[in-house]
């Protein structure tokens, strides 16, 4: 049965920029439906979705056949870069975005970027949710200047997933297609080449979710990091001698810290002391919440969450609701239970803090909430 494309009246009223979504695919049956549905749900009628499949042997082809609006081919290729180039040659759009088959666009991604293209921008970069298998995530809020992007080892040095940036078709025509010999850093290479020719427009909008799971190519080895450093030297001619020296020293200092035994021991001691200080800080924050805060939410619909609820009530703290990852019910212990991925600022308007029930995942949850811009006390 043909699935209807869902139109958004506001987007439909905008000038007809054709958006080409290009998806390389190989044995992607597990997730490709999410990718396709995320494009359909944008509510913008003037788009094409091109899937370049490398000859899948699972159920991928059957899934593609169930979406009549897709333009797709399935044939052997020479790797992901080849598939990306094939997709570009098939595209007719004014605006291009590459969406990997196991990732998906966030609601409102098209509307977020189209406004800027209408203003004359040529390369728009947003934020990306980096999702782990256990459901935790953090937000990749990337730098867009050339010097920062060269320092790939720094946090948020560049946009880690192609779903996080949209660009005019002229960009690829100008900087050239993806290098088919490069199967690991093709996205980074493309960003660096583009940054030399175009000014990137950075927007504070969440555009895509990137599933970064074990076994994916993004899990970098030490050898791969060395290759990245060697590869980055291709672009050193575009920066000053002083900047080259800074990059060389910074990378090699990190190398020494990681692989020199005695320096490494000193670094681990510093980290040990740092985390001891963090533990003391966490203890003081929990003490403050249980004794001076009036209303909280508890993260963790579990046995630990139930213990935290009892502790809060013993101390006269009003627990408004529970939150957790991928919830299947709407209440826990008689209180509302919300999915953290669906919570908005309105959800947190009437609480003063979040209490994390499970100490084992406390740091991950704190990083996840911090990355979303949550401003209240978390302990």
Protein backbone atom coordinates (compact mmCIF):
# COMPACT_ATOMS: atom_id res chain seq x y z
CA UNK A 1 0.00 0.00 0.00
CA UNK A 2 1.35 3.42 -0.95
CA UNK A 3 2.22 5.59 2.04
CA UNK A 4 1.06 9.21 1.78
CA UNK A 5 3.63 11.97 2.07
CA UNK A 6 2.66 14.20 4.98
CA UNK A 7 2.66 17.88 4.03
CA UNK A 8 3.19 20.79 6.37
CA UNK A 9 1.21 23.83 5.17
CA UNK A 10 3.85 26.28 6.36
CA UNK A 11 6.63 24.49 4.50
CA UNK A 12 4.49 23.91 1.43
CA UNK A 13 4.04 27.67 1.14
CA UNK A 14 7.80 28.27 0.90
CA UNK A 15 9.54 28.67 -2.49
CA UNK A 16 10.10 25.33 -4.18
CA UNK A 17 13.68 24.45 -3.38
CA UNK A 18 14.04 20.76 -4.22
CA UNK A 19 15.79 18.82 -1.45
CA UNK A 20 17.67 15.64 -2.42
CA UNK A 21 18.17 13.17 0.43
CA UNK A 22 20.82 10.58 -0.51
CA UNK A 23 21.12 7.34 1.48
CA UNK A 24 23.92 4.80 0.91
CA UNK A 25 22.77 1.34 2.03
CA UNK A 26 24.00 -2.22 2.50
CA UNK A 27 22.07 -4.83 4.48
CA UNK A 28 20.23 -2.06 6.32
CA UNK A 29 16.90 -3.77 7.02
CA UNK A 30 17.14 -3.14 10.76
CA UNK A 31 17.03 0.64 10.55
CA UNK A 32 16.39 1.92 7.02
CA UNK A 33 12.65 2.23 7.61
CA UNK A 34 13.39 4.79 10.36
CA UNK A 35 15.51 6.79 7.92
CA UNK A 36 12.81 6.78 5.22
CA UNK A 37 10.00 7.66 7.64
CA UNK A 38 12.03 10.50 9.14
CA UNK A 39 12.21 12.12 5.69
CA UNK A 40 8.51 11.62 5.01
CA UNK A 41 7.62 13.18 8.35
CA UNK A 42 9.33 16.49 7.48
CA UNK A 43 6.10 17.71 5.90
CA UNK A 44 7.83 19.23 2.86
CA UNK A 45 6.41 18.17 -0.51
CA UNK A 46 9.30 19.13 -2.78
CA UNK A 47 11.91 16.47 -2.05
CA UNK A 48 13.39 13.32 -3.53
CA UNK A 49 14.86 10.46 -1.52
CA UNK A 50 17.52 8.45 -3.33
CA UNK A 51 18.77 5.16 -1.90
CA UNK A 52 21.94 3.64 -3.37
CA UNK A 53 22.10 0.04 -2.19
CA UNK A 54 25.26 -2.01 -2.56
CA UNK A 55 23.50 -5.32 -3.25
CA UNK A 56 21.83 -6.16 0.06
CA UNK A 57 21.05 -9.80 0.85
CA UNK A 58 18.73 -9.14 3.82
CA UNK A 59 15.20 -7.64 3.70
CA UNK A 60 16.39 -4.17 2.67
CA UNK A 61 15.14 -4.45 -0.93
CA UNK A 62 11.65 -5.54 0.17
CA UNK A 63 11.48 -2.51 2.45
CA UNK A 64 12.56 -0.18 -0.36
CA UNK A 65 9.89 -1.65 -2.65
CA UNK A 66 7.23 -0.79 -0.08
CA UNK A 67 7.93 2.96 -0.52
CA UNK A 68 6.91 3.94 -4.08
CA UNK A 69 8.22 7.50 -3.70
CA UNK A 70 11.84 6.31 -3.35
CA UNK A 71 14.34 6.44 -6.21
CA UNK A 72 16.65 3.51 -5.63
CA UNK A 73 19.14 1.18 -7.22
CA UNK A 74 20.75 -1.99 -5.90
CA UNK A 75 24.03 -3.12 -7.39
CA UNK A 76 27.59 -3.88 -6.24
CA UNK A 77 29.70 -0.79 -5.61
CA UNK A 78 33.24 0.10 -4.60
CA UNK A 79 32.31 1.19 -1.09
CA UNK A 80 30.42 4.00 0.64
CA UNK A 81 32.15 6.85 -1.20
CA UNK A 82 31.22 5.28 -4.54
CA UNK A 83 27.60 4.93 -3.36
CA UNK A 84 27.54 8.57 -2.25
CA UNK A 85 28.84 9.70 -5.64
CA UNK A 86 26.28 7.57 -7.47
CA UNK A 87 23.51 9.13 -5.40
CA UNK A 88 24.74 12.63 -6.22
CA UNK A 89 24.80 11.85 -9.95
CA UNK A 90 21.15 10.70 -9.69
CA UNK A 91 20.03 13.79 -7.76
CA UNK A 92 18.18 16.76 -9.21
CA UNK A 93 17.85 18.82 -6.02
CA UNK A 94 18.92 22.36 -5.22
CA UNK A 95 19.83 21.30 -1.67
CA UNK A 96 21.67 18.07 -0.79
CA UNK A 97 21.82 16.08 2.45
CA UNK A 98 23.35 12.65 3.00
CA UNK A 99 21.42 10.47 5.45
CA UNK A 100 23.03 7.17 6.43
CA UNK A 101 20.67 4.19 6.41
CA UNK A 102 20.96 3.59 10.16
CA UNK A 103 20.42 7.25 11.12
CA UNK A 104 17.38 9.50 10.93
CA UNK A 105 16.41 13.15 10.56
CA UNK A 106 14.90 14.97 13.51
CA UNK A 107 11.41 16.50 13.18
CA UNK A 108 11.61 19.97 11.69
CA UNK A 109 15.06 19.52 10.13
CA UNK A 110 13.92 20.71 6.70
CA UNK A 111 12.14 23.76 8.08
CA UNK A 112 15.18 24.65 10.21
CA UNK A 113 17.56 24.79 7.24
CA UNK A 114 15.29 26.06 4.46
CA UNK A 115 14.95 29.48 6.08
CA UNK A 116 18.70 30.00 5.79
CA UNK A 117 18.91 28.82 2.19
CA UNK A 118 16.19 31.32 1.35
CA UNK A 119 18.45 34.00 2.85
CA UNK A 120 21.28 33.03 0.53
CA UNK A 121 23.34 30.63 2.64
CA UNK A 122 25.08 27.81 0.78
CA UNK A 123 26.18 25.45 3.57
CA UNK A 124 24.12 25.07 6.75
CA UNK A 125 25.38 23.07 9.75
CA UNK A 126 23.29 22.13 12.79
CA UNK A 127 23.55 19.80 15.79
CA UNK A 128 23.45 16.00 15.86
CA UNK A 129 22.22 13.66 18.58
CA UNK A 130 24.86 10.92 19.08
CA UNK A 131 22.95 7.89 20.34
CA UNK A 132 24.46 4.88 22.15
CA UNK A 133 23.02 1.38 22.23
CA UNK A 134 21.98 1.74 25.88
CA UNK A 135 19.76 4.72 24.98
CA UNK A 136 21.99 7.46 26.38
CA UNK A 137 23.02 10.26 24.07
CA UNK A 138 24.92 13.51 23.83
CA UNK A 139 24.61 16.44 21.46
CA UNK A 140 27.33 17.09 18.87
CA UNK A 141 27.36 20.90 18.65
CA UNK A 142 30.17 21.26 16.11
CA UNK A 143 32.70 23.95 15.35
CA UNK A 144 32.64 25.13 11.75
CA UNK A 145 35.93 27.02 11.37
CA UNK A 146 38.70 25.32 9.38
CA UNK A 147 41.32 25.38 12.16
CA UNK A 148 39.00 23.70 14.70
CA UNK A 149 37.92 21.03 12.21
CA UNK A 150 41.55 20.03 11.64
CA UNK A 151 41.83 19.12 15.35
CA UNK A 152 39.59 16.04 15.11
CA UNK A 153 40.66 14.80 18.57
CA UNK A 154 38.94 17.74 20.28
CA UNK A 155 35.35 17.39 21.42
CA UNK A 156 32.87 18.75 18.84
CA UNK A 157 35.70 19.71 16.48
CA UNK A 158 33.44 19.08 13.46
CA UNK A 159 30.01 17.69 12.59
CA UNK A 160 30.30 13.94 13.16
CA UNK A 161 27.47 12.87 10.87
CA UNK A 162 26.39 14.02 7.38
CA UNK A 163 22.76 14.27 8.50
CA UNK A 164 23.86 17.36 10.43
CA UNK A 165 24.61 19.52 7.39
CA UNK A 166 22.75 20.53 4.25
CA UNK A 167 24.37 22.27 1.28
CA UNK A 168 23.61 23.57 -2.20
CA UNK A 169 24.36 21.23 -5.09
CA UNK A 170 26.94 23.71 -6.37
CA UNK A 171 29.14 22.87 -3.36
CA UNK A 172 29.89 19.32 -4.54
CA UNK A 173 30.24 20.57 -8.10
CA UNK A 174 32.86 23.05 -6.85
CA UNK A 175 34.89 20.98 -4.35
CA UNK A 176 34.60 17.65 -6.15
CA UNK A 177 33.07 14.26 -5.42
CA UNK A 178 33.97 11.94 -2.54
CA UNK A 179 37.32 10.13 -2.82
CA UNK A 180 36.53 6.47 -3.54
CA UNK A 181 39.86 5.42 -2.02
CA UNK A 182 38.78 6.99 1.28
CA UNK A 183 36.24 4.80 3.07
CA UNK A 184 36.60 6.18 6.61
CA UNK A 185 37.22 9.94 6.57
CA UNK A 186 35.27 10.90 3.45
CA UNK A 187 32.84 13.10 5.43
CA UNK A 188 35.61 14.93 7.27
CA UNK A 189 37.57 15.38 4.04
CA UNK A 190 34.48 16.82 2.34
CA UNK A 191 33.90 19.27 5.21
CA UNK A 192 37.50 20.48 5.10
CA UNK A 193 37.44 20.95 1.32
CA UNK A 194 34.12 22.77 1.56
CA UNK A 195 35.30 25.04 4.39
CA UNK A 196 38.13 26.25 2.16
CA UNK A 197 35.62 27.41 -0.47
CA UNK A 198 32.46 28.31 1.46
CA UNK A 199 31.44 29.99 4.68
CA UNK A 200 29.46 27.59 6.89
CA UNK A 201 26.28 28.88 8.53
CA UNK A 202 26.03 27.32 12.00
CA UNK A 203 22.51 27.06 13.45
CA UNK A 204 21.45 25.91 16.91
CA UNK A 205 18.94 23.29 15.70
CA UNK A 206 18.94 19.53 16.13
CA UNK A 207 18.93 18.11 12.60
CA UNK A 208 19.65 14.38 12.88
CA UNK A 209 20.31 11.42 15.17
CA UNK A 210 23.45 9.37 14.62
CA UNK A 211 23.43 5.79 15.92
CA UNK A 212 27.00 5.25 17.12
CA UNK A 213 26.95 1.60 18.07
CA UNK A 214 29.64 -1.00 18.69
CA UNK A 215 30.96 -2.52 15.48
CA UNK A 216 30.43 0.59 13.35
CA UNK A 217 33.23 2.15 11.32
CA UNK A 218 33.25 5.18 13.63
CA UNK A 219 34.84 3.18 16.45
CA UNK A 220 38.36 4.36 15.90
CA UNK A 221 41.52 2.36 16.59
CA UNK A 222 44.89 3.83 17.55
CA UNK A 223 46.15 3.00 14.06
CA UNK A 224 43.21 4.90 12.58
CA UNK A 225 44.04 7.96 14.68
CA UNK A 226 47.61 7.91 13.35
CA UNK A 227 46.20 7.73 9.83
CA UNK A 228 43.95 10.70 10.57
CA UNK A 229 46.94 12.75 11.69
CA UNK A 230 48.86 11.85 8.52
CA UNK A 231 45.79 12.61 6.41
CA UNK A 232 45.27 16.02 8.07
CA UNK A 233 48.73 17.13 6.90
CA UNK A 234 47.32 17.40 3.37
CA UNK A 235 45.51 20.53 4.59
CA UNK A 236 48.37 22.09 6.55
CA UNK A 237 49.37 24.19 3.54
CA UNK A 238 46.19 26.21 4.13
CA UNK A 239 47.19 27.32 7.65
CA UNK A 240 50.06 29.38 9.02
CA UNK A 241 53.35 27.87 10.18
CA UNK A 242 52.50 28.78 13.79
CA UNK A 243 49.13 27.02 13.52
CA UNK A 244 50.84 23.91 12.10
CA UNK A 245 53.25 23.87 15.03
CA UNK A 246 50.38 24.18 17.51
CA UNK A 247 48.54 21.23 15.94
CA UNK A 248 51.71 19.11 15.86
CA UNK A 249 52.56 19.82 19.50
CA UNK A 250 49.00 19.32 20.74
CA UNK A 251 48.56 15.96 19.00
CA UNK A 252 51.96 14.65 20.11
CA UNK A 253 51.40 15.75 23.71
CA UNK A 254 48.21 13.69 23.71
CA UNK A 255 50.18 10.80 22.18
CA UNK A 256 52.78 11.00 24.97
CA UNK A 257 50.12 11.17 27.69
CA UNK A 258 48.48 8.04 26.33
CA UNK A 259 51.47 5.84 25.56
CA UNK A 260 54.40 6.88 27.81
CA UNK A 261 54.16 4.72 30.94
CA UNK A 262 55.45 7.24 33.50
CA UNK A 263 53.67 10.26 32.06
CA UNK A 264 50.57 8.10 31.75
CA UNK A 265 50.78 7.13 35.44
CA UNK A 266 51.00 10.81 36.40
CA UNK A 267 48.02 11.61 34.19
CA UNK A 268 45.98 8.78 35.73
CA UNK A 269 46.82 10.10 39.21
CA UNK A 270 45.54 13.54 38.21
CA UNK A 271 42.35 11.94 36.86
CA UNK A 272 41.95 9.91 40.07
CA UNK A 273 42.17 13.05 42.19
CA UNK A 274 39.83 14.85 39.82
CA UNK A 275 37.16 12.16 40.18
CA UNK A 276 37.56 12.11 43.96
CA UNK A 277 36.80 15.82 43.96
CA UNK A 278 33.81 15.15 41.68
CA UNK A 279 32.57 12.45 44.10
CA UNK A 280 32.70 14.94 46.98
CA UNK A 281 30.88 17.52 44.86
CA UNK A 282 28.18 14.94 43.95
CA UNK A 283 27.72 14.05 47.62
CA UNK A 284 27.25 17.71 48.54
CA UNK A 285 24.76 18.22 45.68
CA UNK A 286 22.65 15.20 46.78
CA UNK A 287 22.81 16.40 50.39
CA UNK A 288 21.59 19.82 49.23
CA UNK A 289 18.71 18.33 47.21
CA UNK A 290 17.50 16.09 50.04
CA UNK A 291 17.65 18.86 52.63
CA UNK A 292 16.97 22.17 50.90
CA UNK A 293 15.11 21.51 47.64
CA UNK A 294 11.30 21.30 47.64
CA UNK A 295 10.47 19.58 44.34
CA UNK A 296 12.43 17.16 42.15
CA UNK A 297 12.15 14.60 39.37
CA UNK A 298 13.86 11.21 39.69
CA UNK A 299 15.77 9.74 36.75
CA UNK A 300 15.34 5.98 36.81
CA UNK A 301 12.11 3.94 36.92
CA UNK A 302 13.78 1.07 38.76
CA UNK A 303 14.33 -0.43 42.18
CA UNK A 304 16.95 2.27 42.78
CA UNK A 305 14.40 4.87 41.72
CA UNK A 306 11.93 3.50 44.26
CA UNK A 307 14.57 3.77 47.01
CA UNK A 308 15.25 7.37 45.98
CA UNK A 309 11.51 8.10 46.14
CA UNK A 310 11.33 6.76 49.70
CA UNK A 311 14.40 8.77 50.70
CA UNK A 312 12.93 11.96 49.23
CA UNK A 313 9.62 11.47 51.03
CA UNK A 314 11.42 10.81 54.32
CA UNK A 315 13.13 14.17 53.88
CA UNK A 316 9.97 16.01 52.86
CA UNK A 317 11.00 16.47 49.22
CA UNK A 318 8.11 16.47 46.75
CA UNK A 319 8.80 14.12 43.80
CA UNK A 320 6.78 15.38 40.83
CA UNK A 321 7.52 12.62 38.31
CA UNK A 322 9.99 10.01 37.05
CA UNK A 323 11.96 10.14 33.80
CA UNK A 324 13.86 7.39 32.03
CA UNK A 325 15.09 6.20 28.63
CA UNK A 326 12.69 4.44 26.24
CA UNK A 327 9.79 4.09 28.68
CA UNK A 328 6.94 1.68 27.94
CA UNK A 329 4.39 2.83 30.54
CA UNK A 330 3.15 6.26 31.60
CA UNK A 331 3.54 5.89 35.37
CA UNK A 332 5.82 4.42 38.03
CA UNK A 333 5.01 4.08 41.72
CA UNK A 334 1.86 6.14 41.20
CA UNK A 335 3.72 9.07 39.63
CA UNK A 336 3.90 10.15 35.97
CA UNK A 337 6.75 8.59 33.97
CA UNK A 338 8.19 10.50 31.00
CA UNK A 339 10.60 9.51 28.24
CA UNK A 340 13.65 11.78 28.50
CA UNK A 341 13.88 11.97 24.69
CA UNK A 342 10.42 13.55 24.57
CA UNK A 343 10.72 15.92 27.53
CA UNK A 344 10.59 19.64 26.83
CA UNK A 345 11.42 22.66 29.00
CA UNK A 346 7.75 22.73 30.00
CA UNK A 347 8.16 19.29 31.66
CA UNK A 348 10.87 20.67 33.94
CA UNK A 349 9.25 24.03 34.70
CA UNK A 350 7.94 23.00 38.15
CA UNK A 351 10.96 21.17 39.52
CA UNK A 352 14.17 22.51 41.05
CA UNK A 353 16.46 19.53 40.41
CA UNK A 354 16.82 16.02 38.99
CA UNK A 355 17.97 13.18 41.23
CA UNK A 356 19.66 10.29 39.37
CA UNK A 357 18.80 7.02 41.06
CA UNK A 358 21.46 4.71 39.63
CA UNK A 359 25.00 5.76 40.55
CA UNK A 360 26.51 3.40 37.94
CA UNK A 361 25.19 5.48 35.04
CA UNK A 362 25.07 8.83 36.83
CA UNK A 363 27.91 10.44 34.87
CA UNK A 364 26.48 9.35 31.51
CA UNK A 365 23.04 10.69 32.40
CA UNK A 366 24.48 13.98 33.63
CA UNK A 367 26.43 14.43 30.39
CA UNK A 368 23.32 13.58 28.39
CA UNK A 369 21.15 16.12 30.23
CA UNK A 370 23.90 18.76 30.16
CA UNK A 371 24.28 18.37 26.40
CA UNK A 372 20.57 19.11 25.89
CA UNK A 373 20.94 22.47 27.63
CA UNK A 374 19.20 21.46 30.90
CA UNK A 375 20.11 24.20 33.37
CA UNK A 376 18.89 22.96 36.74
CA UNK A 377 20.75 21.00 39.42
CA UNK A 378 21.48 17.36 38.57
CA UNK A 379 22.86 14.96 41.17
